Amino acid sequence: MDKRKIRKLSNVAEQIIHGYNNGMTLQELGDLHEVAPGTIRNLLDKNNIQRRPRGRRRNDANEQTG
């Protein structure tokens, strides 16, 4: 992974973690911060943030059925 990207993201790590904990996806966070979703995943892992299971978000699934 590019160390410059990690350095850039370390400045906004709290915002990324907050966004993830409030339901944003790795893809959404990556798009917002102009990095790959894997870079976001690595940042979450580095900060010991438990990741959600892959797949559709619970709210999205409920909207489809209800």
PDB file of N, CA and C in Angstrom:
ATOM      1  N   MET A   1       0.849  -1.182   0.000  1.00  0.00           N
ATOM      2  CA  MET A   1       0.000   0.000   0.000  1.00  0.00           C
ATOM      3  C   MET A   1       0.892   1.242   0.000  1.00  0.00           C
ATOM      4  N   ASP A   2       0.447   2.251  -0.654  1.00  0.00           N
ATOM      5  CA  ASP A   2       1.189   3.502  -0.767  1.00  0.00           C
ATOM      6  C   ASP A   2       1.219   4.220   0.585  1.00  0.00           C
ATOM      7  N   LYS A   3       2.411   4.436   1.106  1.00  0.00           N
ATOM      8  CA  LYS A   3       2.558   5.076   2.420  1.00  0.00           C
ATOM      9  C   LYS A   3       1.996   6.500   2.421  1.00  0.00           C
ATOM     10  N   ARG A   4       2.027   7.174   1.273  1.00  0.00           N
ATOM     11  CA  ARG A   4       1.461   8.534   1.205  1.00  0.00           C
ATOM     12  C   ARG A   4      -0.042   8.508   1.461  1.00  0.00           C
ATOM     13  N   LYS A   5      -0.714   7.488   0.955  1.00  0.00           N
ATOM     14  CA  LYS A   5      -2.159   7.380   1.168  1.00  0.00           C
ATOM     15  C   LYS A   5      -2.462   7.143   2.639  1.00  0.00           C
ATOM     16  N   ILE A   6      -1.666   6.271   3.267  1.00  0.00           N
ATOM     17  CA  ILE A   6      -1.868   6.011   4.693  1.00  0.00           C
ATOM     18  C   ILE A   6      -1.642   7.285   5.489  1.00  0.00           C
ATOM     19  N   ARG A   7      -0.605   8.031   5.171  1.00  0.00           N
ATOM     20  CA  ARG A   7      -0.320   9.277   5.887  1.00  0.00           C
ATOM     21  C   ARG A   7      -1.470  10.263   5.711  1.00  0.00           C
ATOM     22  N   LYS A   8      -1.969  10.370   4.479  1.00  0.00           N
ATOM     23  CA  LYS A   8      -3.098  11.268   4.199  1.00  0.00           C
ATOM     24  C   LYS A   8      -4.323  10.850   5.012  1.00  0.00           C
ATOM     25  N   LEU A   9      -4.597   9.548   5.044  1.00  0.00           N
ATOM     26  CA  LEU A   9      -5.779   9.065   5.743  1.00  0.00           C
ATOM     27  C   LEU A   9      -5.633   9.137   7.250  1.00  0.00           C
ATOM     28  N   SER A  10      -4.405   9.083   7.745  1.00  0.00           N
ATOM     29  CA  SER A  10      -4.239   9.145   9.199  1.00  0.00           C
ATOM     30  C   SER A  10      -4.731  10.480   9.736  1.00  0.00           C
ATOM     31  N   ASN A  11      -4.718  11.510   8.906  1.00  0.00           N
ATOM     32  CA  ASN A  11      -5.226  12.819   9.312  1.00  0.00           C
ATOM     33  C   ASN A  11      -6.745  12.839   9.435  1.00  0.00           C
ATOM     34  N   VAL A  12      -7.411  11.938   8.752  1.00  0.00           N
ATOM     35  CA  VAL A  12      -8.873  11.911   8.778  1.00  0.00           C
ATOM     36  C   VAL A  12      -9.403  10.568   9.293  1.00  0.00           C
ATOM     37  N   ALA A  13      -8.548   9.800   9.968  1.00  0.00           N
ATOM     38  CA  ALA A  13      -8.934   8.464  10.435  1.00  0.00           C
ATOM     39  C   ALA A  13     -10.182   8.511  11.307  1.00  0.00           C
ATOM     40  N   GLU A  14     -10.270   9.472  12.196  1.00  0.00           N
ATOM     41  CA  GLU A  14     -11.445   9.556  13.070  1.00  0.00           C
ATOM     42  C   GLU A  14     -12.713   9.773  12.258  1.00  0.00           C
ATOM     43  N   GLN A  15     -12.644  10.596  11.214  1.00  0.00           N
ATOM     44  CA  GLN A  15     -13.810  10.837  10.367  1.00  0.00           C
ATOM     45  C   GLN A  15     -14.201   9.557   9.628  1.00  0.00           C
ATOM     46  N   ILE A  16     -13.207   8.816   9.138  1.00  0.00           N
ATOM     47  CA  ILE A  16     -13.469   7.572   8.418  1.00  0.00           C
ATOM     48  C   ILE A  16     -14.109   6.552   9.355  1.00  0.00           C
ATOM     49  N   ILE A  17     -13.541   6.405  10.537  1.00  0.00           N
ATOM     50  CA  ILE A  17     -14.082   5.455  11.511  1.00  0.00           C
ATOM     51  C   ILE A  17     -15.498   5.844  11.896  1.00  0.00           C
ATOM     52  N   HIS A  18     -15.725   7.128  12.114  1.00  0.00           N
ATOM     53  CA  HIS A  18     -17.066   7.608  12.458  1.00  0.00           C
ATOM     54  C   HIS A  18     -18.049   7.296  11.324  1.00  0.00           C
ATOM     55  N   GLY A  19     -17.644   7.578  10.096  1.00  0.00           N
ATOM     56  CA  GLY A  19     -18.504   7.298   8.946  1.00  0.00           C
ATOM     57  C   GLY A  19     -18.823   5.823   8.827  1.00  0.00           C
ATOM     58  N   TYR A  20     -17.806   4.985   9.010  1.00  0.00           N
ATOM     59  CA  TYR A  20     -18.023   3.538   8.921  1.00  0.00           C
ATOM     60  C   TYR A  20     -18.962   3.055  10.025  1.00  0.00           C
ATOM     61  N   ASN A  21     -18.740   3.535  11.230  1.00  0.00           N
ATOM     62  CA  ASN A  21     -19.581   3.130  12.357  1.00  0.00           C
ATOM     63  C   ASN A  21     -21.010   3.640  12.213  1.00  0.00           C
ATOM     64  N   ASN A  22     -21.216   4.629  11.367  1.00  0.00           N
ATOM     65  CA  ASN A  22     -22.560   5.157  11.136  1.00  0.00           C
ATOM     66  C   ASN A  22     -23.164   4.650   9.827  1.00  0.00           C
ATOM     67  N   GLY A  23     -22.595   3.557   9.294  1.00  0.00           N
ATOM     68  CA  GLY A  23     -23.236   2.876   8.182  1.00  0.00           C
ATOM     69  C   GLY A  23     -22.657   3.086   6.802  1.00  0.00           C
ATOM     70  N   MET A  24     -21.655   3.945   6.646  1.00  0.00           N
ATOM     71  CA  MET A  24     -21.060   4.119   5.321  1.00  0.00           C
ATOM     72  C   MET A  24     -20.307   2.851   4.943  1.00  0.00           C
ATOM     73  N   THR A  25     -20.278   2.553   3.648  1.00  0.00           N
ATOM     74  CA  THR A  25     -19.562   1.371   3.174  1.00  0.00           C
ATOM     75  C   THR A  25     -18.107   1.722   2.887  1.00  0.00           C
ATOM     76  N   LEU A  26     -17.291   0.674   2.725  1.00  0.00           N
ATOM     77  CA  LEU A  26     -15.898   0.890   2.349  1.00  0.00           C
ATOM     78  C   LEU A  26     -15.820   1.625   1.014  1.00  0.00           C
ATOM     79  N   GLN A  27     -16.702   1.256   0.089  1.00  0.00           N
ATOM     80  CA  GLN A  27     -16.726   1.896  -1.226  1.00  0.00           C
ATOM     81  C   GLN A  27     -17.064   3.381  -1.105  1.00  0.00           C
ATOM     82  N   GLU A  28     -18.096   3.692  -0.330  1.00  0.00           N
ATOM     83  CA  GLU A  28     -18.489   5.093  -0.149  1.00  0.00           C
ATOM     84  C   GLU A  28     -17.364   5.910   0.481  1.00  0.00           C
ATOM     85  N   LEU A  29     -16.723   5.343   1.493  1.00  0.00           N
ATOM     86  CA  LEU A  29     -15.627   6.051   2.155  1.00  0.00           C
ATOM     87  C   LEU A  29     -14.434   6.199   1.220  1.00  0.00           C
ATOM     88  N   GLY A  30     -14.154   5.159   0.438  1.00  0.00           N
ATOM     89  CA  GLY A  30     -13.064   5.235  -0.529  1.00  0.00           C
ATOM     90  C   GLY A  30     -13.320   6.307  -1.576  1.00  0.00           C
ATOM     91  N   ASP A  31     -14.545   6.357  -2.080  1.00  0.00           N
ATOM     92  CA  ASP A  31     -14.906   7.381  -3.064  1.00  0.00           C
ATOM     93  C   ASP A  31     -14.760   8.781  -2.469  1.00  0.00           C
ATOM     94  N   LEU A  32     -15.205   8.939  -1.244  1.00  0.00           N
ATOM     95  CA  LEU A  32     -15.155  10.234  -0.581  1.00  0.00           C
ATOM     96  C   LEU A  32     -13.714  10.720  -0.386  1.00  0.00           C
ATOM     97  N   HIS A  33     -12.830   9.794  -0.050  1.00  0.00           N
ATOM     98  CA  HIS A  33     -11.443  10.162   0.251  1.00  0.00           C
ATOM     99  C   HIS A  33     -10.482   9.849  -0.897  1.00  0.00           C
ATOM    100  N   GLU A  34     -11.036   9.473  -2.043  1.00  0.00           N
ATOM    101  CA  GLU A  34     -10.283   9.232  -3.271  1.00  0.00           C
ATOM    102  C   GLU A  34      -9.196   8.177  -3.103  1.00  0.00           C
ATOM    103  N   VAL A  35      -9.573   7.067  -2.461  1.00  0.00           N
ATOM    104  CA  VAL A  35      -8.691   5.915  -2.319  1.00  0.00           C
ATOM    105  C   VAL A  35      -9.511   4.649  -2.564  1.00  0.00           C
ATOM    106  N   ALA A  36      -8.834   3.532  -2.727  1.00  0.00           N
ATOM    107  CA  ALA A  36      -9.507   2.260  -2.941  1.00  0.00           C
ATOM    108  C   ALA A  36     -10.182   1.786  -1.649  1.00  0.00           C
ATOM    109  N   PRO A  37     -11.270   1.040  -1.774  1.00  0.00           N
ATOM    110  CA  PRO A  37     -11.926   0.506  -0.580  1.00  0.00           C
ATOM    111  C   PRO A  37     -10.977  -0.336   0.283  1.00  0.00           C
ATOM    112  N   GLY A  38     -10.034  -1.022  -0.347  1.00  0.00           N
ATOM    113  CA  GLY A  38      -9.063  -1.816   0.404  1.00  0.00           C
ATOM    114  C   GLY A  38      -8.194  -0.959   1.311  1.00  0.00           C
ATOM    115  N   THR A  39      -7.925   0.257   0.893  1.00  0.00           N
ATOM    116  CA  THR A  39      -7.147   1.179   1.725  1.00  0.00           C
ATOM    117  C   THR A  39      -7.943   1.553   2.966  1.00  0.00           C
ATOM    118  N   ILE A  40      -9.239   1.761   2.789  1.00  0.00           N
ATOM    119  CA  ILE A  40     -10.110   2.043   3.937  1.00  0.00           C
ATOM    120  C   ILE A  40     -10.149   0.828   4.851  1.00  0.00           C
ATOM    121  N   ARG A  41     -10.290  -0.363   4.260  1.00  0.00           N
ATOM    122  CA  ARG A  41     -10.312  -1.596   5.048  1.00  0.00           C
ATOM    123  C   ARG A  41      -9.033  -1.730   5.873  1.00  0.00           C
ATOM    124  N   ASN A  42      -7.880  -1.462   5.262  1.00  0.00           N
ATOM    125  CA  ASN A  42      -6.609  -1.551   5.979  1.00  0.00           C
ATOM    126  C   ASN A  42      -6.549  -0.551   7.133  1.00  0.00           C
ATOM    127  N   LEU A  43      -7.065   0.651   6.917  1.00  0.00           N
ATOM    128  CA  LEU A  43      -7.077   1.654   7.982  1.00  0.00           C
ATOM    129  C   LEU A  43      -7.959   1.185   9.139  1.00  0.00           C
ATOM    130  N   LEU A  44      -9.118   0.612   8.830  1.00  0.00           N
ATOM    131  CA  LEU A  44     -10.007   0.105   9.876  1.00  0.00           C
ATOM    132  C   LEU A  44      -9.327  -1.028  10.645  1.00  0.00           C
ATOM    133  N   ASP A  45      -8.673  -1.937   9.906  1.00  0.00           N
ATOM    134  CA  ASP A  45      -7.976  -3.042  10.562  1.00  0.00           C
ATOM    135  C   ASP A  45      -6.852  -2.525  11.459  1.00  0.00           C
ATOM    136  N   LYS A  46      -6.105  -1.557  10.959  1.00  0.00           N
ATOM    137  CA  LYS A  46      -4.994  -0.979  11.727  1.00  0.00           C
ATOM    138  C   LYS A  46      -5.489  -0.352  13.034  1.00  0.00           C
ATOM    139  N   ASN A  47      -6.716   0.159  13.030  1.00  0.00           N
ATOM    140  CA  ASN A  47      -7.293   0.796  14.208  1.00  0.00           C
ATOM    141  C   ASN A  47      -8.206  -0.144  15.001  1.00  0.00           C
ATOM    142  N   ASN A  48      -8.107  -1.444  14.699  1.00  0.00           N
ATOM    143  CA  ASN A  48      -8.868  -2.480  15.421  1.00  0.00           C
ATOM    144  C   ASN A  48     -10.377  -2.242  15.404  1.00  0.00           C
ATOM    145  N   ILE A  49     -10.885  -1.773  14.262  1.00  0.00           N
ATOM    146  CA  ILE A  49     -12.325  -1.570  14.093  1.00  0.00           C
ATOM    147  C   ILE A  49     -12.910  -2.850  13.504  1.00  0.00           C
ATOM    148  N   GLN A  50     -13.878  -3.436  14.209  1.00  0.00           N
ATOM    149  CA  GLN A  50     -14.509  -4.648  13.713  1.00  0.00           C
ATOM    150  C   GLN A  50     -15.358  -4.299  12.498  1.00  0.00           C
ATOM    151  N   ARG A  51     -15.129  -5.030  11.406  1.00  0.00           N
ATOM    152  CA  ARG A  51     -15.877  -4.755  10.189  1.00  0.00           C
ATOM    153  C   ARG A  51     -17.169  -5.544  10.144  1.00  0.00           C
ATOM    154  N   ARG A  52     -18.150  -4.978   9.451  1.00  0.00           N
ATOM    155  CA  ARG A  52     -19.436  -5.633   9.262  1.00  0.00           C
ATOM    156  C   ARG A  52     -19.289  -6.753   8.230  1.00  0.00           C
ATOM    157  N   PRO A  53     -20.212  -7.706   8.238  1.00  0.00           N
ATOM    158  CA  PRO A  53     -20.189  -8.740   7.199  1.00  0.00           C
ATOM    159  C   PRO A  53     -20.426  -8.117   5.827  1.00  0.00           C
ATOM    160  N   ARG A  54     -19.869  -8.743   4.803  1.00  0.00           N
ATOM    161  CA  ARG A  54     -20.079  -8.261   3.434  1.00  0.00           C
ATOM    162  C   ARG A  54     -21.529  -8.467   3.036  1.00  0.00           C
ATOM    163  N   GLY A  55     -21.959  -7.703   2.062  1.00  0.00           N
ATOM    164  CA  GLY A  55     -23.314  -7.866   1.548  1.00  0.00           C
ATOM    165  C   GLY A  55     -24.133  -6.608   1.732  1.00  0.00           C
ATOM    166  N   ARG A  56     -25.383  -6.739   1.437  1.00  0.00           N
ATOM    167  CA  ARG A  56     -26.295  -5.611   1.491  1.00  0.00           C
ATOM    168  C   ARG A  56     -26.471  -5.126   2.922  1.00  0.00           C
ATOM    169  N   ARG A  57     -26.525  -3.813   3.072  1.00  0.00           N
ATOM    170  CA  ARG A  57     -26.774  -3.257   4.404  1.00  0.00           C
ATOM    171  C   ARG A  57     -28.184  -3.594   4.849  1.00  0.00           C
ATOM    172  N   ARG A  58     -28.361  -3.722   6.134  1.00  0.00           N
ATOM    173  CA  ARG A  58     -29.657  -4.111   6.698  1.00  0.00           C
ATOM    174  C   ARG A  58     -30.772  -3.176   6.237  1.00  0.00           C
ATOM    175  N   ASN A  59     -30.561  -1.859   6.251  1.00  0.00           N
ATOM    176  CA  ASN A  59     -31.601  -0.916   5.832  1.00  0.00           C
ATOM    177  C   ASN A  59     -31.964  -1.108   4.368  1.00  0.00           C
ATOM    178  N   ASP A  60     -30.956  -1.394   3.513  1.00  0.00           N
ATOM    179  CA  ASP A  60     -31.232  -1.634   2.106  1.00  0.00           C
ATOM    180  C   ASP A  60     -32.086  -2.879   1.934  1.00  0.00           C
ATOM    181  N   ALA A  61     -31.800  -3.932   2.692  1.00  0.00           N
ATOM    182  CA  ALA A  61     -32.564  -5.165   2.588  1.00  0.00           C
ATOM    183  C   ALA A  61     -34.010  -4.945   3.024  1.00  0.00           C
ATOM    184  N   ASN A  62     -34.212  -4.174   4.087  1.00  0.00           N
ATOM    185  CA  ASN A  62     -35.559  -3.905   4.570  1.00  0.00           C
ATOM    186  C   ASN A  62     -36.366  -3.095   3.568  1.00  0.00           C
ATOM    187  N   GLU A  63     -35.715  -2.171   2.869  1.00  0.00           N
ATOM    188  CA  GLU A  63     -36.424  -1.363   1.879  1.00  0.00           C
ATOM    189  C   GLU A  63     -36.901  -2.217   0.718  1.00  0.00           C
ATOM    190  N   GLN A  64     -36.133  -3.247   0.362  1.00  0.00           N
ATOM    191  CA  GLN A  64     -36.502  -4.107  -0.749  1.00  0.00           C
ATOM    192  C   GLN A  64     -37.721  -4.957  -0.415  1.00  0.00           C
ATOM    193  N   THR A  65     -37.847  -5.371   0.855  1.00  0.00           N
ATOM    194  CA  THR A  65     -38.937  -6.268   1.216  1.00  0.00           C
ATOM    195  C   THR A  65     -40.156  -5.532   1.756  1.00  0.00           C
ATOM    196  N   GLY A  66     -39.976  -4.337   2.217  1.00  0.00           N
ATOM    197  CA  GLY A  66     -41.067  -3.673   2.903  1.00  0.00           C
ATOM    198  C   GLY A  66     -41.607  -2.565   2.146  1.00  0.00           C
TER     199      GLY A  66
END
